Structures are given as C-alpha cells and as structure tokens.
Amino acid sequence: MDIFDNTILCNKCNSKMEKVQIAKNGFSFRAVQCPKCGERIIHPNDAQEYKQFNQLKRKVFKVKLRLVGNSYAVSIPRPIVDFMQEQEREMHKRMSEMVNLCFEDMGRISLMFHESKKKAGSFRDEGNKASSFRDEGNLEEN
C-alpha cells in the first residue's frame, strides 16, 4: 500500500488534498496539493530519487578517452548507468543501445539516452513558471 493511497489533510487549512503530477527536469513527481491554499507535498520516494539524481549530477567523474578503431570512446561510470537503468525500469521502457551525441560548445559534449520532446537546454517546466526544490523535497514556485 502506498502512502498516497490514504486521505491526506492539509497542515495549513485542514482541507482534503488532491493528487497531482508535477514535472521538473524530466522527472514526474507524484504529489498532493491543497485546493484551497495550494500547499503541496511531494511523494517521499520521488523526492529521494530526485535527491539521488542531483547528487550524481553534481559529481565529476574522471574517465579515460580511448581510441577504438577510427572513433574515440568514453566509458560511462557505473553509478550513472545504475541510476538510469532504475529510472527506465520504473517507466517500463528499455534504454536504447543507440544514444544521441551532441557537440554543444567548445569542450562540451552531451549524450541523450532517450528522445525527449523538450528542446535541449530547456530547464523550465511546462507552463509559465519555473520550479525549484527546497531541501525537504517540496516544490516552491519562483
């Protein structure tokens, strides 16, 4: 049984909260939101996964550039692959063996492991407002 299967009351106004989905940086968060005051609570498992993502995102990995035939190869560190595979399992998709590589800027190359409907470099949520996480895992509007 999931914690969000229960009725959740708002701490501020004691109203019954409604289930919503929140999109941020390619993640879909399960949440409940108060229809009166707008207070939101993000599902703890989703907040934990997002925290793990941010920890990996900030980490710098030193990897070797190897010549393989006429091409160069870089190995992707195991923690990144493990995280991506876990995300793919949860979404019931398989990571494609082919990836998209883009030479973005001098000294910067990006890899995309699955096609995104958003344009590269777009960090805004759908809608007009950007969102950011507070330390405790809640979203707040900017």
C-alpha atoms as a PDB file:
ATOM      1  CA  MET A   1       0.000   0.000   0.000  1.00  0.00           C
ATOM      2  CA  ASP A   2       1.283   3.436  -0.941  1.00  0.00           C
ATOM      3  CA  ILE A   3       1.251   6.365   1.489  1.00  0.00           C
ATOM      4  CA  PHE A   4      -0.638   8.486  -1.065  1.00  0.00           C
ATOM      5  CA  ASP A   5      -3.491   5.933  -1.176  1.00  0.00           C
ATOM      6  CA  ASN A   6      -4.690   7.390   2.141  1.00  0.00           C
ATOM      7  CA  THR A   7      -6.624  10.625   2.627  1.00  0.00           C
ATOM      8  CA  ILE A   8      -4.181  13.427   3.402  1.00  0.00           C
ATOM      9  CA  LEU A   9      -5.277  16.644   5.088  1.00  0.00           C
ATOM     10  CA  CYS A  10      -3.543  19.995   4.621  1.00  0.00           C
ATOM     11  CA  ASN A  11      -1.497  21.131   7.633  1.00  0.00           C
ATOM     12  CA  LYS A  12      -2.414  24.771   6.997  1.00  0.00           C
ATOM     13  CA  CYS A  13      -6.185  24.684   6.393  1.00  0.00           C
ATOM     14  CA  ASN A  14      -7.200  21.085   7.221  1.00  0.00           C
ATOM     15  CA  SER A  15      -8.733  20.541   3.738  1.00  0.00           C
ATOM     16  CA  LYS A  16      -8.561  17.227   1.871  1.00  0.00           C
ATOM     17  CA  MET A  17      -5.588  17.311  -0.513  1.00  0.00           C
ATOM     18  CA  GLU A  18      -5.891  16.155  -4.145  1.00  0.00           C
ATOM     19  CA  LYS A  19      -3.446  14.011  -6.113  1.00  0.00           C
ATOM     20  CA  VAL A  20      -1.440  15.872  -8.787  1.00  0.00           C
ATOM     21  CA  GLN A  21       1.574  15.231 -11.033  1.00  0.00           C
ATOM     22  CA  ILE A  22       4.424  17.762 -11.120  1.00  0.00           C
ATOM     23  CA  ALA A  23       7.020  17.821 -13.922  1.00  0.00           C
ATOM     24  CA  LYS A  24      10.561  19.057 -13.259  1.00  0.00           C
ATOM     25  CA  ASN A  25      13.794  18.426 -15.193  1.00  0.00           C
ATOM     26  CA  GLY A  26      12.414  15.335 -16.914  1.00  0.00           C
ATOM     27  CA  PHE A  27      11.023  13.848 -13.693  1.00  0.00           C
ATOM     28  CA  SER A  28       7.346  13.316 -12.961  1.00  0.00           C
ATOM     29  CA  PHE A  29       6.615  13.666  -9.255  1.00  0.00           C
ATOM     30  CA  ARG A  30       3.593  12.242  -7.510  1.00  0.00           C
ATOM     31  CA  ALA A  31       2.218  14.854  -5.147  1.00  0.00           C
ATOM     32  CA  VAL A  32      -0.850  16.022  -3.273  1.00  0.00           C
ATOM     33  CA  GLN A  33      -1.999  19.630  -3.344  1.00  0.00           C
ATOM     34  CA  CYS A  34      -4.498  21.545  -1.251  1.00  0.00           C
ATOM     35  CA  PRO A  35      -7.247  23.035  -3.455  1.00  0.00           C
ATOM     36  CA  LYS A  36      -7.742  25.944  -1.013  1.00  0.00           C
ATOM     37  CA  CYS A  37      -4.263  27.181  -0.068  1.00  0.00           C
ATOM     38  CA  GLY A  38      -2.085  25.446  -2.718  1.00  0.00           C
ATOM     39  CA  GLU A  39       0.175  23.658  -0.207  1.00  0.00           C
ATOM     40  CA  ARG A  40       1.979  20.706  -1.872  1.00  0.00           C
ATOM     41  CA  ILE A  41       3.544  17.533  -0.573  1.00  0.00           C
ATOM     42  CA  ILE A  42       5.848  15.556  -2.867  1.00  0.00           C
ATOM     43  CA  HIS A  43       5.848  11.756  -2.545  1.00  0.00           C
ATOM     44  CA  PRO A  44       8.882  10.841  -0.368  1.00  0.00           C
ATOM     45  CA  ASN A  45      10.139   8.180  -2.818  1.00  0.00           C
ATOM     46  CA  ASP A  46      10.071  10.652  -5.714  1.00  0.00           C
ATOM     47  CA  ALA A  47      11.849  13.291  -3.627  1.00  0.00           C
ATOM     48  CA  GLN A  48      14.547  10.731  -2.700  1.00  0.00           C
ATOM     49  CA  GLU A  49      15.098   9.761  -6.358  1.00  0.00           C
ATOM     50  CA  TYR A  50      15.411  13.425  -7.297  1.00  0.00           C
ATOM     51  CA  LYS A  51      17.937  13.937  -4.490  1.00  0.00           C
ATOM     52  CA  GLN A  52      19.967  10.959  -5.789  1.00  0.00           C
ATOM     53  CA  PHE A  53      19.809  12.456  -9.304  1.00  0.00           C
ATOM     54  CA  ASN A  54      21.134  15.810  -8.046  1.00  0.00           C
ATOM     55  CA  GLN A  55      23.972  14.115  -6.161  1.00  0.00           C
ATOM     56  CA  LEU A  56      25.043  12.295  -9.338  1.00  0.00           C
ATOM     57  CA  LYS A  57      24.562  15.427 -11.426  1.00  0.00           C
ATOM     58  CA  ARG A  58      26.970  17.450  -9.301  1.00  0.00           C
ATOM     59  CA  LYS A  59      29.619  14.722  -9.142  1.00  0.00           C
ATOM     60  CA  VAL A  60      32.562  14.951 -11.530  1.00  0.00           C
ATOM     61  CA  PHE A  61      33.806  11.622 -12.860  1.00  0.00           C
ATOM     62  CA  LYS A  62      37.282  11.263 -14.341  1.00  0.00           C
ATOM     63  CA  VAL A  63      37.143   8.862 -17.295  1.00  0.00           C
ATOM     64  CA  LYS A  64      39.630   7.941 -19.998  1.00  0.00           C
ATOM     65  CA  LEU A  65      39.182   8.844 -23.642  1.00  0.00           C
ATOM     66  CA  ARG A  66      40.118   5.750 -25.676  1.00  0.00           C
ATOM     67  CA  LEU A  67      40.743   5.270 -29.377  1.00  0.00           C
ATOM     68  CA  VAL A  68      38.581   2.415 -30.725  1.00  0.00           C
ATOM     69  CA  GLY A  69      39.098   1.931 -34.452  1.00  0.00           C
ATOM     70  CA  ASN A  70      38.530   5.327 -36.075  1.00  0.00           C
ATOM     71  CA  SER A  71      36.440   6.646 -33.166  1.00  0.00           C
ATOM     72  CA  TYR A  72      37.012   7.699 -29.586  1.00  0.00           C
ATOM     73  CA  ALA A  73      35.155   6.035 -26.706  1.00  0.00           C
ATOM     74  CA  VAL A  74      34.390   7.114 -23.147  1.00  0.00           C
ATOM     75  CA  SER A  75      33.020   4.702 -20.557  1.00  0.00           C
ATOM     76  CA  ILE A  76      30.013   5.827 -18.531  1.00  0.00           C
ATOM     77  CA  PRO A  77      30.569   5.306 -14.786  1.00  0.00           C
ATOM     78  CA  ARG A  78      28.529   2.521 -13.151  1.00  0.00           C
ATOM     79  CA  PRO A  79      26.611   4.825 -10.698  1.00  0.00           C
ATOM     80  CA  ILE A  80      25.186   6.797 -13.639  1.00  0.00           C
ATOM     81  CA  VAL A  81      24.243   3.663 -15.601  1.00  0.00           C
ATOM     82  CA  ASP A  82      22.648   2.080 -12.498  1.00  0.00           C
ATOM     83  CA  PHE A  83      20.568   5.200 -11.832  1.00  0.00           C
ATOM     84  CA  MET A  84      19.428   5.434 -15.451  1.00  0.00           C
ATOM     85  CA  GLN A  85      18.501   1.745 -15.614  1.00  0.00           C
ATOM     86  CA  GLU A  86      16.459   2.055 -12.414  1.00  0.00           C
ATOM     87  CA  GLN A  87      14.581   5.013 -13.888  1.00  0.00           C
ATOM     88  CA  GLU A  88      13.953   3.111 -17.116  1.00  0.00           C
ATOM     89  CA  ARG A  89      12.631   0.062 -15.200  1.00  0.00           C
ATOM     90  CA  GLU A  90      10.185   2.263 -13.319  1.00  0.00           C
ATOM     91  CA  MET A  91       8.909   3.782 -16.561  1.00  0.00           C
ATOM     92  CA  HIS A  92       8.661   0.303 -18.178  1.00  0.00           C
ATOM     93  CA  LYS A  93      10.994   1.277 -21.000  1.00  0.00           C
ATOM     94  CA  ARG A  94      14.340  -0.048 -22.105  1.00  0.00           C
ATOM     95  CA  MET A  95      17.392   2.118 -22.518  1.00  0.00           C
ATOM     96  CA  SER A  96      18.204   2.237 -26.194  1.00  0.00           C
ATOM     97  CA  GLU A  97      21.543   0.862 -27.260  1.00  0.00           C
ATOM     98  CA  MET A  98      21.910   3.885 -29.534  1.00  0.00           C
ATOM     99  CA  VAL A  99      22.351   7.273 -27.898  1.00  0.00           C
ATOM    100  CA  ASN A 100      22.224  10.785 -29.293  1.00  0.00           C
ATOM    101  CA  LEU A 101      25.508  12.696 -29.030  1.00  0.00           C
ATOM    102  CA  CYS A 102      25.667  16.457 -29.469  1.00  0.00           C
ATOM    103  CA  PHE A 103      28.704  18.744 -29.647  1.00  0.00           C
ATOM    104  CA  GLU A 104      27.183  21.602 -27.657  1.00  0.00           C
ATOM    105  CA  ASP A 105      30.024  24.008 -27.137  1.00  0.00           C
ATOM    106  CA  MET A 106      33.815  24.132 -27.112  1.00  0.00           C
ATOM    107  CA  GLY A 107      34.857  21.437 -24.633  1.00  0.00           C
ATOM    108  CA  ARG A 108      31.276  20.230 -24.032  1.00  0.00           C
ATOM    109  CA  ILE A 109      29.571  17.119 -25.433  1.00  0.00           C
ATOM    110  CA  SER A 110      26.171  15.844 -24.312  1.00  0.00           C
ATOM    111  CA  LEU A 111      24.623  12.376 -24.559  1.00  0.00           C
ATOM    112  CA  MET A 112      20.882  11.683 -24.600  1.00  0.00           C
ATOM    113  CA  PHE A 113      19.870   8.111 -23.808  1.00  0.00           C
ATOM    114  CA  HIS A 114      16.262   8.503 -24.897  1.00  0.00           C
ATOM    115  CA  GLU A 115      14.484  11.038 -27.023  1.00  0.00           C
ATOM    116  CA  SER A 116      12.984  13.990 -25.208  1.00  0.00           C
ATOM    117  CA  LYS A 117      10.079  16.027 -26.501  1.00  0.00           C
ATOM    118  CA  LYS A 118      11.556  19.151 -24.894  1.00  0.00           C
ATOM    119  CA  LYS A 119      14.222  21.142 -26.651  1.00  0.00           C
ATOM    120  CA  ALA A 120      17.798  20.692 -25.425  1.00  0.00           C
ATOM    121  CA  GLY A 121      18.734  23.316 -22.869  1.00  0.00           C
ATOM    122  CA  SER A 122      15.115  23.892 -21.778  1.00  0.00           C
ATOM    123  CA  PHE A 123      15.025  23.773 -17.978  1.00  0.00           C
ATOM    124  CA  ARG A 124      11.559  25.242 -17.495  1.00  0.00           C
ATOM    125  CA  ASP A 125       8.513  23.208 -16.538  1.00  0.00           C
ATOM    126  CA  GLU A 126       5.524  23.115 -18.787  1.00  0.00           C
ATOM    127  CA  GLY A 127       3.609  26.312 -18.135  1.00  0.00           C
ATOM    128  CA  ASN A 128       4.901  29.765 -17.364  1.00  0.00           C
ATOM    129  CA  LYS A 129       6.642  29.310 -14.015  1.00  0.00           C
ATOM    130  CA  ALA A 130       9.945  27.639 -13.141  1.00  0.00           C
ATOM    131  CA  SER A 131      10.085  25.500 -10.011  1.00  0.00           C
ATOM    132  CA  SER A 132      12.838  24.685  -7.563  1.00  0.00           C
ATOM    133  CA  PHE A 133      13.228  22.157  -4.765  1.00  0.00           C
ATOM    134  CA  ARG A 134      13.571  23.143  -1.149  1.00  0.00           C
ATOM    135  CA  ASP A 135      15.884  20.958   0.951  1.00  0.00           C
ATOM    136  CA  GLU A 136      12.975  18.981   2.391  1.00  0.00           C
ATOM    137  CA  GLY A 137      11.841  17.940  -1.108  1.00  0.00           C
ATOM    138  CA  ASN A 138       8.873  20.290  -1.597  1.00  0.00           C
ATOM    139  CA  LEU A 139       8.447  22.366  -4.725  1.00  0.00           C
ATOM    140  CA  GLU A 140       8.083  26.086  -4.493  1.00  0.00           C
ATOM    141  CA  GLU A 141       7.170  28.496  -7.287  1.00  0.00           C
ATOM    142  CA  ASN A 142       9.683  31.173  -8.385  1.00  0.00           C
END
